Amino acid sequence: MREMLYTCDVCKKKKGEANHWFLAQINNPMDRLQLTFTRWSHADARNEDTIHLCGQECAQRKLSEFLGSLT
């Protein structure tokens, strides 16, 4: 089975073997919008609503974007 290719949803960088990537998801349980970050997991990365982030800088940019959307 061929491994999927992933791209950072913030900067569009392609994922390599040794990259330290993160995943994020935006959820809205009980009308309380929340952003959750997790470490990279190939199983979770395949989820349609998962945000792929190539590192800490892009994770911080996504957090800032998310917080700005709440005001």
C-alpha atoms as a PDB file:
ATOM      1  CA  MET A   1       0.000   0.000   0.000  1.00  0.00           C
ATOM      2  CA  ARG A   2       1.344   3.415  -1.011  1.00  0.00           C
ATOM      3  CA  GLU A   3       1.754   6.044   1.722  1.00  0.00           C
ATOM      4  CA  MET A   4      -0.377   9.150   1.334  1.00  0.00           C
ATOM      5  CA  LEU A   5       1.293  12.479   0.634  1.00  0.00           C
ATOM      6  CA  TYR A   6       0.394  15.291   3.018  1.00  0.00           C
ATOM      7  CA  THR A   7       0.694  19.055   2.673  1.00  0.00           C
ATOM      8  CA  CYS A   8       0.704  21.618   5.480  1.00  0.00           C
ATOM      9  CA  ASP A   9      -2.647  23.404   5.459  1.00  0.00           C
ATOM     10  CA  VAL A  10      -0.950  26.678   6.460  1.00  0.00           C
ATOM     11  CA  CYS A  11       2.291  27.008   4.429  1.00  0.00           C
ATOM     12  CA  LYS A  12       1.734  24.220   1.835  1.00  0.00           C
ATOM     13  CA  LYS A  13       5.029  22.438   2.658  1.00  0.00           C
ATOM     14  CA  LYS A  14       5.118  18.736   1.702  1.00  0.00           C
ATOM     15  CA  LYS A  15       5.535  16.179   4.496  1.00  0.00           C
ATOM     16  CA  GLY A  16       8.770  14.211   4.524  1.00  0.00           C
ATOM     17  CA  GLU A  17       9.856  11.208   6.603  1.00  0.00           C
ATOM     18  CA  ALA A  18      11.573  13.008   9.516  1.00  0.00           C
ATOM     19  CA  ASN A  19       9.292  16.028   9.849  1.00  0.00           C
ATOM     20  CA  HIS A  20       7.774  16.821  13.248  1.00  0.00           C
ATOM     21  CA  TRP A  21       4.202  17.492  12.231  1.00  0.00           C
ATOM     22  CA  PHE A  22       1.035  18.112  14.231  1.00  0.00           C
ATOM     23  CA  LEU A  23      -2.647  17.603  13.572  1.00  0.00           C
ATOM     24  CA  ALA A  24      -5.514  19.879  14.545  1.00  0.00           C
ATOM     25  CA  GLN A  25      -9.278  19.664  14.468  1.00  0.00           C
ATOM     26  CA  ILE A  26     -11.941  22.298  14.893  1.00  0.00           C
ATOM     27  CA  ASN A  27     -15.011  20.977  16.706  1.00  0.00           C
ATOM     28  CA  ASN A  28     -18.229  22.574  17.875  1.00  0.00           C
ATOM     29  CA  PRO A  29     -19.634  20.483  20.739  1.00  0.00           C
ATOM     30  CA  MET A  30     -22.671  22.099  22.367  1.00  0.00           C
ATOM     31  CA  ASP A  31     -22.059  25.313  20.359  1.00  0.00           C
ATOM     32  CA  ARG A  32     -18.645  25.830  21.976  1.00  0.00           C
ATOM     33  CA  LEU A  33     -16.130  26.129  19.154  1.00  0.00           C
ATOM     34  CA  GLN A  34     -12.795  24.488  20.047  1.00  0.00           C
ATOM     35  CA  LEU A  35      -9.449  23.832  18.368  1.00  0.00           C
ATOM     36  CA  THR A  36      -7.562  20.693  19.425  1.00  0.00           C
ATOM     37  CA  PHE A  37      -3.917  19.901  18.599  1.00  0.00           C
ATOM     38  CA  THR A  38      -2.391  16.413  18.652  1.00  0.00           C
ATOM     39  CA  ARG A  39       0.914  14.879  17.625  1.00  0.00           C
ATOM     40  CA  TRP A  40       1.103  13.294  14.176  1.00  0.00           C
ATOM     41  CA  SER A  41      -0.694   9.994  13.634  1.00  0.00           C
ATOM     42  CA  HIS A  42      -1.083   8.474  10.166  1.00  0.00           C
ATOM     43  CA  ALA A  43      -4.466   7.051  11.137  1.00  0.00           C
ATOM     44  CA  ASP A  44      -5.784  10.440  12.315  1.00  0.00           C
ATOM     45  CA  ALA A  45      -4.176  12.308   9.404  1.00  0.00           C
ATOM     46  CA  ARG A  46      -6.473  10.504   6.984  1.00  0.00           C
ATOM     47  CA  ASN A  47      -9.615  11.996   8.564  1.00  0.00           C
ATOM     48  CA  GLU A  48     -11.352  14.395   6.227  1.00  0.00           C
ATOM     49  CA  ASP A  49     -11.705  17.206   8.791  1.00  0.00           C
ATOM     50  CA  THR A  50      -8.106  17.051  10.079  1.00  0.00           C
ATOM     51  CA  ILE A  51      -5.808  20.044   9.662  1.00  0.00           C
ATOM     52  CA  HIS A  52      -2.186  19.117   8.830  1.00  0.00           C
ATOM     53  CA  LEU A  53       0.522  21.349  10.336  1.00  0.00           C
ATOM     54  CA  CYS A  54       4.232  21.056   9.519  1.00  0.00           C
ATOM     55  CA  GLY A  55       5.546  22.333  12.834  1.00  0.00           C
ATOM     56  CA  GLN A  56       5.235  24.695  15.768  1.00  0.00           C
ATOM     57  CA  GLU A  57       5.231  27.893  13.693  1.00  0.00           C
ATOM     58  CA  CYS A  58       2.312  26.778  11.517  1.00  0.00           C
ATOM     59  CA  ALA A  59       0.463  25.454  14.591  1.00  0.00           C
ATOM     60  CA  GLN A  60       0.844  28.898  16.195  1.00  0.00           C
ATOM     61  CA  ARG A  61      -0.370  30.592  13.017  1.00  0.00           C
ATOM     62  CA  LYS A  62      -3.449  28.323  12.939  1.00  0.00           C
ATOM     63  CA  LEU A  63      -4.142  29.083  16.621  1.00  0.00           C
ATOM     64  CA  SER A  64      -3.857  32.820  15.974  1.00  0.00           C
ATOM     65  CA  GLU A  65      -6.198  32.522  12.972  1.00  0.00           C
ATOM     66  CA  PHE A  66      -8.679  30.526  15.041  1.00  0.00           C
ATOM     67  CA  LEU A  67      -8.653  32.993  17.954  1.00  0.00           C
ATOM     68  CA  GLY A  68      -9.069  35.915  15.535  1.00  0.00           C
ATOM     69  CA  SER A  69     -12.171  34.285  14.089  1.00  0.00           C
ATOM     70  CA  LEU A  70     -13.822  34.236  17.530  1.00  0.00           C
ATOM     71  CA  THR A  71     -13.918  38.015  17.943  1.00  0.00           C
END
